[in-house]
Amino acid sequence: MRSACDLSRALVFLLTLAVAAFVGTVLPAKSVEFKRAADVALQLTWSAPETGRKPVIKASVQADAGQEMIHSSNTVLARRWAMTRARLEAEAAWLNSCARGACRDPRAATWSNVVALVKSVRPLQRPALVQSLFSSTIEYVNDSAGDDHWANPLSTLLLGAGDCEDHVLLKRAVLISAGYREADMQLLILHTASGTGHMALQVKAGQTLVLDNRYRYPVSERTMTGDTLAAIATDRGYYLVR
């Protein structure tokens, strides 16, 4: 058992070095940004929508039961998510076409190399590998004041830096390219204990994992403390906690 564990650590280390070589440099892992970690004890179930009504997600956040998450399309973040998804799908289609030999853009080759590394491990290990790799190669950098831009995943990978939204979108896109279903992932929009907005990625991979740039490895949603869930963004849309 010990030798298998050591081999797993060695594999992650070698893959991290390989990704760093593709990106161009090893950037320092981000230091802890917030004083307290997140607590998202989140349980989601879809209710059957009534005729003429949008689907409702019923959720419990931390110890509070009975909260509802209502579909939203007219808030700033809901509109941003809709526009961002369109950009992500367009970029993914282009990268897929390049992977099939339709282009020889070196940027697409870098992406393909990273995806190949993630695919080299078993599906249930891929979220942990993605979290570990990007903790080592993608630096945390805030957007300029007043310019909260959600960058395309390829841009974040090539730049080697981004804020929490950029980290989430990159991890999500790589996991989709590596075979994960979009429906098995959702963006968690959080308010931290200090009152700061934050985003993390929740993934169903045998168990529910949270990939958060504040941590080097995936964490359980039930081991995080201090944050409040404000909304989620999924393949079905954007939902606010009521």
C-alpha atoms as a PDB file:
ATOM      1  CA  MET A   1       0.000   0.000   0.000  1.00  0.00           C
ATOM      2  CA  ARG A   2       2.820   2.379   0.867  1.00  0.00           C
ATOM      3  CA  SER A   3       4.618   1.768  -2.448  1.00  0.00           C
ATOM      4  CA  ALA A   4       1.385   2.390  -4.379  1.00  0.00           C
ATOM      5  CA  CYS A   5       0.898   5.671  -2.506  1.00  0.00           C
ATOM      6  CA  ASP A   6       4.486   6.704  -3.215  1.00  0.00           C
ATOM      7  CA  LEU A   7       4.026   5.849  -6.874  1.00  0.00           C
ATOM      8  CA  SER A   8       0.866   7.983  -7.004  1.00  0.00           C
ATOM      9  CA  ARG A   9       2.719  10.946  -5.488  1.00  0.00           C
ATOM     10  CA  ALA A  10       5.557  10.503  -7.954  1.00  0.00           C
ATOM     11  CA  LEU A  11       3.104  10.429 -10.857  1.00  0.00           C
ATOM     12  CA  VAL A  12       1.464  13.669  -9.743  1.00  0.00           C
ATOM     13  CA  PHE A  13       4.894  15.281  -9.325  1.00  0.00           C
ATOM     14  CA  LEU A  14       6.027  14.224 -12.802  1.00  0.00           C
ATOM     15  CA  LEU A  15       2.770  15.338 -14.388  1.00  0.00           C
ATOM     16  CA  THR A  16       3.045  18.697 -12.635  1.00  0.00           C
ATOM     17  CA  LEU A  17       6.518  19.199 -14.082  1.00  0.00           C
ATOM     18  CA  ALA A  18       5.267  18.195 -17.520  1.00  0.00           C
ATOM     19  CA  VAL A  19       2.405  20.710 -17.435  1.00  0.00           C
ATOM     20  CA  ALA A  20       4.797  23.396 -16.246  1.00  0.00           C
ATOM     21  CA  ALA A  21       7.027  22.664 -19.239  1.00  0.00           C
ATOM     22  CA  PHE A  22       4.085  22.965 -21.623  1.00  0.00           C
ATOM     23  CA  VAL A  23       2.902  26.234 -20.083  1.00  0.00           C
ATOM     24  CA  GLY A  24       6.432  27.581 -20.051  1.00  0.00           C
ATOM     25  CA  THR A  25       7.259  28.171 -16.399  1.00  0.00           C
ATOM     26  CA  VAL A  26       6.447  26.928 -12.917  1.00  0.00           C
ATOM     27  CA  LEU A  27       4.536  29.641 -11.105  1.00  0.00           C
ATOM     28  CA  PRO A  28       4.361  29.723  -7.313  1.00  0.00           C
ATOM     29  CA  ALA A  29       1.301  28.196  -5.694  1.00  0.00           C
ATOM     30  CA  LYS A  30      -1.126  30.795  -4.417  1.00  0.00           C
ATOM     31  CA  SER A  31      -0.935  31.599  -0.724  1.00  0.00           C
ATOM     32  CA  VAL A  32      -4.113  31.315   1.327  1.00  0.00           C
ATOM     33  CA  GLU A  33      -6.285  34.281   0.364  1.00  0.00           C
ATOM     34  CA  PHE A  34      -8.960  34.113   3.014  1.00  0.00           C
ATOM     35  CA  LYS A  35      -8.666  33.694   6.748  1.00  0.00           C
ATOM     36  CA  ARG A  36     -11.266  30.979   6.944  1.00  0.00           C
ATOM     37  CA  ALA A  37     -12.164  28.127   4.629  1.00  0.00           C
ATOM     38  CA  ALA A  38     -15.583  27.567   3.126  1.00  0.00           C
ATOM     39  CA  ASP A  39     -18.507  25.548   4.474  1.00  0.00           C
ATOM     40  CA  VAL A  40     -20.799  24.460   1.703  1.00  0.00           C
ATOM     41  CA  ALA A  41     -22.843  21.538   3.056  1.00  0.00           C
ATOM     42  CA  LEU A  42     -24.912  21.562  -0.091  1.00  0.00           C
ATOM     43  CA  GLN A  43     -27.573  19.050  -1.038  1.00  0.00           C
ATOM     44  CA  LEU A  44     -29.331  19.682  -4.341  1.00  0.00           C
ATOM     45  CA  THR A  45     -32.407  18.003  -5.755  1.00  0.00           C
ATOM     46  CA  TRP A  46     -34.352  19.028  -8.808  1.00  0.00           C
ATOM     47  CA  SER A  47     -38.091  19.440  -8.298  1.00  0.00           C
ATOM     48  CA  ALA A  48     -40.384  18.505 -11.156  1.00  0.00           C
ATOM     49  CA  PRO A  49     -41.260  21.833 -12.815  1.00  0.00           C
ATOM     50  CA  GLU A  50     -44.922  22.657 -13.124  1.00  0.00           C
ATOM     51  CA  THR A  51     -46.319  23.534 -16.514  1.00  0.00           C
ATOM     52  CA  GLY A  52     -45.186  26.995 -17.499  1.00  0.00           C
ATOM     53  CA  ARG A  53     -42.750  27.342 -14.596  1.00  0.00           C
ATOM     54  CA  LYS A  54     -38.986  27.160 -14.563  1.00  0.00           C
ATOM     55  CA  PRO A  55     -37.291  24.331 -12.653  1.00  0.00           C
ATOM     56  CA  VAL A  56     -36.534  24.982  -8.999  1.00  0.00           C
ATOM     57  CA  ILE A  57     -33.586  23.579  -7.098  1.00  0.00           C
ATOM     58  CA  LYS A  58     -34.237  22.905  -3.441  1.00  0.00           C
ATOM     59  CA  ALA A  59     -31.112  23.148  -1.363  1.00  0.00           C
ATOM     60  CA  SER A  60     -29.896  23.084   2.215  1.00  0.00           C
ATOM     61  CA  VAL A  61     -26.903  25.264   2.972  1.00  0.00           C
ATOM     62  CA  GLN A  62     -24.979  24.510   6.147  1.00  0.00           C
ATOM     63  CA  ALA A  63     -27.606  23.745   8.826  1.00  0.00           C
ATOM     64  CA  ASP A  64     -30.413  25.689   7.178  1.00  0.00           C
ATOM     65  CA  ALA A  65     -32.997  23.473   5.508  1.00  0.00           C
ATOM     66  CA  GLY A  66     -35.730  24.402   3.083  1.00  0.00           C
ATOM     67  CA  GLN A  67     -33.932  27.111   1.136  1.00  0.00           C
ATOM     68  CA  GLU A  68     -34.779  27.331  -2.534  1.00  0.00           C
ATOM     69  CA  MET A  69     -32.597  28.247  -5.459  1.00  0.00           C
ATOM     70  CA  ILE A  70     -34.610  30.050  -8.099  1.00  0.00           C
ATOM     71  CA  HIS A  71     -33.654  30.278 -11.760  1.00  0.00           C
ATOM     72  CA  SER A  72     -32.405  33.755 -12.689  1.00  0.00           C
ATOM     73  CA  SER A  73     -31.602  35.260 -16.058  1.00  0.00           C
ATOM     74  CA  ASN A  74     -31.763  39.004 -15.442  1.00  0.00           C
ATOM     75  CA  THR A  75     -28.997  39.597 -12.906  1.00  0.00           C
ATOM     76  CA  VAL A  76     -25.495  40.729 -13.808  1.00  0.00           C
ATOM     77  CA  LEU A  77     -23.906  37.376 -12.960  1.00  0.00           C
ATOM     78  CA  ALA A  78     -26.672  35.384 -14.647  1.00  0.00           C
ATOM     79  CA  ARG A  79     -26.130  37.305 -17.883  1.00  0.00           C
ATOM     80  CA  ARG A  80     -22.370  36.965 -17.526  1.00  0.00           C
ATOM     81  CA  TRP A  81     -22.685  33.199 -17.074  1.00  0.00           C
ATOM     82  CA  ALA A  82     -24.850  32.920 -20.193  1.00  0.00           C
ATOM     83  CA  MET A  83     -22.339  34.888 -22.263  1.00  0.00           C
ATOM     84  CA  THR A  84     -19.383  33.032 -20.737  1.00  0.00           C
ATOM     85  CA  ARG A  85     -20.893  29.636 -21.527  1.00  0.00           C
ATOM     86  CA  ALA A  86     -21.273  30.667 -25.160  1.00  0.00           C
ATOM     87  CA  ARG A  87     -17.581  31.662 -25.261  1.00  0.00           C
ATOM     88  CA  LEU A  88     -16.523  28.439 -23.549  1.00  0.00           C
ATOM     89  CA  GLU A  89     -18.481  26.312 -25.998  1.00  0.00           C
ATOM     90  CA  ALA A  90     -17.007  28.174 -28.976  1.00  0.00           C
ATOM     91  CA  GLU A  91     -13.462  27.757 -27.651  1.00  0.00           C
ATOM     92  CA  ALA A  92     -14.047  24.068 -26.879  1.00  0.00           C
ATOM     93  CA  ALA A  93     -15.351  23.480 -30.410  1.00  0.00           C
ATOM     94  CA  TRP A  94     -12.229  25.104 -31.875  1.00  0.00           C
ATOM     95  CA  LEU A  95      -9.894  23.123 -29.610  1.00  0.00           C
ATOM     96  CA  ASN A  96     -11.690  19.896 -30.515  1.00  0.00           C
ATOM     97  CA  SER A  97     -11.332  20.668 -34.213  1.00  0.00           C
ATOM     98  CA  CYS A  98      -7.607  21.260 -33.730  1.00  0.00           C
ATOM     99  CA  ALA A  99      -7.314  17.977 -31.839  1.00  0.00           C
ATOM    100  CA  ARG A 100      -8.782  16.277 -34.919  1.00  0.00           C
ATOM    101  CA  GLY A 101      -6.071  17.860 -37.074  1.00  0.00           C
ATOM    102  CA  ALA A 102      -7.993  20.842 -38.452  1.00  0.00           C
ATOM    103  CA  CYS A 103      -5.346  23.298 -37.254  1.00  0.00           C
ATOM    104  CA  ARG A 104      -1.718  23.375 -36.112  1.00  0.00           C
ATOM    105  CA  ASP A 105      -1.958  26.264 -33.684  1.00  0.00           C
ATOM    106  CA  PRO A 106       0.659  25.757 -30.927  1.00  0.00           C
ATOM    107  CA  ARG A 107      -1.820  27.087 -28.370  1.00  0.00           C
ATOM    108  CA  ALA A 108      -4.174  24.237 -29.164  1.00  0.00           C
ATOM    109  CA  ALA A 109      -1.262  21.802 -28.935  1.00  0.00           C
ATOM    110  CA  THR A 110      -0.508  23.036 -25.407  1.00  0.00           C
ATOM    111  CA  TRP A 111      -4.127  22.446 -24.436  1.00  0.00           C
ATOM    112  CA  SER A 112      -4.111  18.957 -25.954  1.00  0.00           C
ATOM    113  CA  ASN A 113      -0.963  18.060 -24.030  1.00  0.00           C
ATOM    114  CA  VAL A 114      -2.534  19.094 -20.724  1.00  0.00           C
ATOM    115  CA  VAL A 115      -5.740  17.180 -21.465  1.00  0.00           C
ATOM    116  CA  ALA A 116      -3.686  14.107 -22.423  1.00  0.00           C
ATOM    117  CA  LEU A 117      -1.926  14.255 -19.054  1.00  0.00           C
ATOM    118  CA  VAL A 118      -5.235  14.401 -17.207  1.00  0.00           C
ATOM    119  CA  LYS A 119      -6.609  11.528 -19.275  1.00  0.00           C
ATOM    120  CA  SER A 120      -3.583   9.416 -18.357  1.00  0.00           C
ATOM    121  CA  VAL A 121      -5.092   8.684 -14.934  1.00  0.00           C
ATOM    122  CA  ARG A 122      -8.367   6.981 -14.085  1.00  0.00           C
ATOM    123  CA  PRO A 123     -11.531   9.137 -14.334  1.00  0.00           C
ATOM    124  CA  LEU A 124     -12.130   9.321 -10.582  1.00  0.00           C
ATOM    125  CA  GLN A 125      -8.559  10.594 -10.085  1.00  0.00           C
ATOM    126  CA  ARG A 126      -8.824  13.379 -12.653  1.00  0.00           C
ATOM    127  CA  PRO A 127     -10.354  16.104 -10.438  1.00  0.00           C
ATOM    128  CA  ALA A 128      -7.585  15.660  -7.855  1.00  0.00           C
ATOM    129  CA  LEU A 129      -4.934  15.749 -10.554  1.00  0.00           C
ATOM    130  CA  VAL A 130      -6.392  18.887 -12.133  1.00  0.00           C
ATOM    131  CA  GLN A 131      -6.545  20.616  -8.750  1.00  0.00           C
ATOM    132  CA  SER A 132      -2.964  19.670  -7.899  1.00  0.00           C
ATOM    133  CA  LEU A 133      -1.563  20.615 -11.313  1.00  0.00           C
ATOM    134  CA  PHE A 134      -3.157  24.029 -11.483  1.00  0.00           C
ATOM    135  CA  SER A 135      -2.349  24.824  -7.864  1.00  0.00           C
ATOM    136  CA  SER A 136       1.282  24.530  -8.953  1.00  0.00           C
ATOM    137  CA  THR A 137       1.147  26.175 -12.383  1.00  0.00           C
ATOM    138  CA  ILE A 138      -1.568  28.852 -12.250  1.00  0.00           C
ATOM    139  CA  GLU A 139      -0.846  31.853 -10.052  1.00  0.00           C
ATOM    140  CA  TYR A 140      -3.677  33.676  -8.312  1.00  0.00           C
ATOM    141  CA  VAL A 141      -3.930  37.252  -9.599  1.00  0.00           C
ATOM    142  CA  ASN A 142      -6.844  39.595  -8.974  1.00  0.00           C
ATOM    143  CA  ASP A 143      -8.516  41.403 -11.857  1.00  0.00           C
ATOM    144  CA  SER A 144      -8.033  45.145 -12.041  1.00  0.00           C
ATOM    145  CA  ALA A 145     -10.487  47.177  -9.980  1.00  0.00           C
ATOM    146  CA  GLY A 146     -13.773  47.512 -11.821  1.00  0.00           C
ATOM    147  CA  ASP A 147     -12.808  44.890 -14.438  1.00  0.00           C
ATOM    148  CA  ASP A 148     -14.087  41.516 -13.235  1.00  0.00           C
ATOM    149  CA  HIS A 149     -13.373  39.584 -16.430  1.00  0.00           C
ATOM    150  CA  TRP A 150     -14.035  35.833 -16.683  1.00  0.00           C
ATOM    151  CA  ALA A 151     -11.209  34.735 -18.952  1.00  0.00           C
ATOM    152  CA  ASN A 152     -11.398  31.894 -21.445  1.00  0.00           C
ATOM    153  CA  PRO A 153      -9.700  28.723 -20.121  1.00  0.00           C
ATOM    154  CA  LEU A 154      -7.010  28.651 -22.819  1.00  0.00           C
ATOM    155  CA  SER A 155      -6.031  32.251 -22.019  1.00  0.00           C
ATOM    156  CA  THR A 156      -5.674  31.413 -18.323  1.00  0.00           C
ATOM    157  CA  LEU A 157      -3.579  28.338 -19.105  1.00  0.00           C
ATOM    158  CA  LEU A 158      -1.214  30.218 -21.419  1.00  0.00           C
ATOM    159  CA  LEU A 159      -0.943  33.247 -19.127  1.00  0.00           C
ATOM    160  CA  GLY A 160      -0.373  31.044 -16.080  1.00  0.00           C
ATOM    161  CA  ALA A 161      -2.449  33.334 -13.893  1.00  0.00           C
ATOM    162  CA  GLY A 162      -6.013  34.303 -13.056  1.00  0.00           C
ATOM    163  CA  ASP A 163      -8.482  34.979 -10.267  1.00  0.00           C
ATOM    164  CA  CYS A 164     -10.891  32.493  -8.670  1.00  0.00           C
ATOM    165  CA  GLU A 165     -13.359  32.550 -11.591  1.00  0.00           C
ATOM    166  CA  ASP A 166     -10.545  31.944 -14.080  1.00  0.00           C
ATOM    167  CA  HIS A 167      -9.259  29.003 -12.019  1.00  0.00           C
ATOM    168  CA  VAL A 168     -12.759  27.483 -11.927  1.00  0.00           C
ATOM    169  CA  LEU A 169     -13.428  27.871 -15.646  1.00  0.00           C
ATOM    170  CA  LEU A 170     -10.035  26.370 -16.533  1.00  0.00           C
ATOM    171  CA  LYS A 171     -10.529  23.316 -14.307  1.00  0.00           C
ATOM    172  CA  ARG A 172     -14.065  22.840 -15.597  1.00  0.00           C
ATOM    173  CA  ALA A 173     -12.989  23.049 -19.243  1.00  0.00           C
ATOM    174  CA  VAL A 174     -10.082  20.620 -18.817  1.00  0.00           C
ATOM    175  CA  LEU A 175     -12.286  18.101 -17.024  1.00  0.00           C
ATOM    176  CA  ILE A 176     -14.896  18.337 -19.796  1.00  0.00           C
ATOM    177  CA  SER A 177     -12.168  17.839 -22.412  1.00  0.00           C
ATOM    178  CA  ALA A 178     -10.941  14.851 -20.405  1.00  0.00           C
ATOM    179  CA  GLY A 179     -14.365  13.213 -20.475  1.00  0.00           C
ATOM    180  CA  TYR A 180     -16.368  14.613 -17.552  1.00  0.00           C
ATOM    181  CA  ARG A 181     -19.959  15.615 -18.168  1.00  0.00           C
ATOM    182  CA  GLU A 182     -20.866  19.269 -17.827  1.00  0.00           C
ATOM    183  CA  ALA A 183     -23.954  18.163 -15.890  1.00  0.00           C
ATOM    184  CA  ASP A 184     -21.685  16.699 -13.170  1.00  0.00           C
ATOM    185  CA  MET A 185     -20.124  20.071 -12.411  1.00  0.00           C
ATOM    186  CA  GLN A 186     -21.449  23.343 -11.068  1.00  0.00           C
ATOM    187  CA  LEU A 187     -19.992  26.685 -10.125  1.00  0.00           C
ATOM    188  CA  LEU A 188     -20.485  27.671  -6.477  1.00  0.00           C
ATOM    189  CA  ILE A 189     -20.846  31.422  -5.977  1.00  0.00           C
ATOM    190  CA  LEU A 190     -19.972  32.135  -2.354  1.00  0.00           C
ATOM    191  CA  HIS A 191     -19.807  34.923   0.193  1.00  0.00           C
ATOM    192  CA  THR A 192     -16.814  34.383   2.462  1.00  0.00           C
ATOM    193  CA  ALA A 193     -16.784  35.024   6.197  1.00  0.00           C
ATOM    194  CA  SER A 194     -14.928  38.268   5.493  1.00  0.00           C
ATOM    195  CA  GLY A 195     -17.686  39.423   3.113  1.00  0.00           C
ATOM    196  CA  THR A 196     -15.712  38.793  -0.074  1.00  0.00           C
ATOM    197  CA  GLY A 197     -17.203  37.168  -3.163  1.00  0.00           C
ATOM    198  CA  HIS A 198     -15.612  33.882  -4.221  1.00  0.00           C
ATOM    199  CA  MET A 199     -16.151  31.028  -6.691  1.00  0.00           C
ATOM    200  CA  ALA A 200     -15.292  27.322  -6.521  1.00  0.00           C
ATOM    201  CA  LEU A 201     -16.061  24.272  -8.654  1.00  0.00           C
ATOM    202  CA  GLN A 202     -18.133  21.372  -7.352  1.00  0.00           C
ATOM    203  CA  VAL A 203     -17.593  18.041  -9.101  1.00  0.00           C
ATOM    204  CA  LYS A 204     -19.350  14.691  -8.791  1.00  0.00           C
ATOM    205  CA  ALA A 205     -16.570  12.101  -8.973  1.00  0.00           C
ATOM    206  CA  GLY A 206     -17.804   9.104  -7.032  1.00  0.00           C
ATOM    207  CA  GLN A 207     -18.180  11.545  -4.171  1.00  0.00           C
ATOM    208  CA  THR A 208     -18.847  15.264  -4.278  1.00  0.00           C
ATOM    209  CA  LEU A 209     -15.606  17.261  -4.334  1.00  0.00           C
ATOM    210  CA  VAL A 210     -14.947  20.993  -4.257  1.00  0.00           C
ATOM    211  CA  LEU A 211     -12.029  22.335  -6.302  1.00  0.00           C
ATOM    212  CA  ASP A 212     -11.133  25.671  -4.740  1.00  0.00           C
ATOM    213  CA  ASN A 213      -8.013  27.705  -5.489  1.00  0.00           C
ATOM    214  CA  ARG A 214      -7.639  28.375  -1.757  1.00  0.00           C
ATOM    215  CA  TYR A 215      -6.589  24.734  -1.326  1.00  0.00           C
ATOM    216  CA  ARG A 216      -3.964  22.643  -3.035  1.00  0.00           C
ATOM    217  CA  TYR A 217      -6.139  19.519  -3.159  1.00  0.00           C
ATOM    218  CA  PRO A 218      -9.880  18.851  -3.510  1.00  0.00           C
ATOM    219  CA  VAL A 219     -11.902  19.160  -0.312  1.00  0.00           C
ATOM    220  CA  SER A 220     -15.195  17.727   0.859  1.00  0.00           C
ATOM    221  CA  GLU A 221     -18.086  20.158   0.874  1.00  0.00           C
ATOM    222  CA  ARG A 222     -18.786  19.096   4.451  1.00  0.00           C
ATOM    223  CA  THR A 223     -15.309  19.914   5.759  1.00  0.00           C
ATOM    224  CA  MET A 224     -15.364  23.582   4.720  1.00  0.00           C
ATOM    225  CA  THR A 225     -16.351  26.293   7.186  1.00  0.00           C
ATOM    226  CA  GLY A 226     -17.249  29.950   7.045  1.00  0.00           C
ATOM    227  CA  ASP A 227     -18.830  30.685   3.669  1.00  0.00           C
ATOM    228  CA  THR A 228     -22.426  31.118   2.567  1.00  0.00           C
ATOM    229  CA  LEU A 229     -23.750  29.867  -0.750  1.00  0.00           C
ATOM    230  CA  ALA A 230     -25.176  32.758  -2.777  1.00  0.00           C
ATOM    231  CA  ALA A 231     -25.884  31.037  -6.104  1.00  0.00           C
ATOM    232  CA  ILE A 232     -24.886  28.207  -8.405  1.00  0.00           C
ATOM    233  CA  ALA A 233     -24.244  28.172 -12.141  1.00  0.00           C
ATOM    234  CA  THR A 234     -24.887  24.914 -14.008  1.00  0.00           C
ATOM    235  CA  ASP A 235     -25.458  23.631 -17.520  1.00  0.00           C
ATOM    236  CA  ARG A 236     -29.146  24.420 -16.887  1.00  0.00           C
ATOM    237  CA  GLY A 237     -28.605  28.058 -15.962  1.00  0.00           C
ATOM    238  CA  TYR A 238     -27.949  30.377 -13.046  1.00  0.00           C
ATOM    239  CA  TYR A 239     -29.753  29.925  -9.710  1.00  0.00           C
ATOM    240  CA  LEU A 240     -29.988  32.305  -6.767  1.00  0.00           C
ATOM    241  CA  VAL A 241     -30.439  31.234  -3.142  1.00  0.00           C
ATOM    242  CA  ARG A 242     -33.698  32.562  -1.755  1.00  0.00           C
END
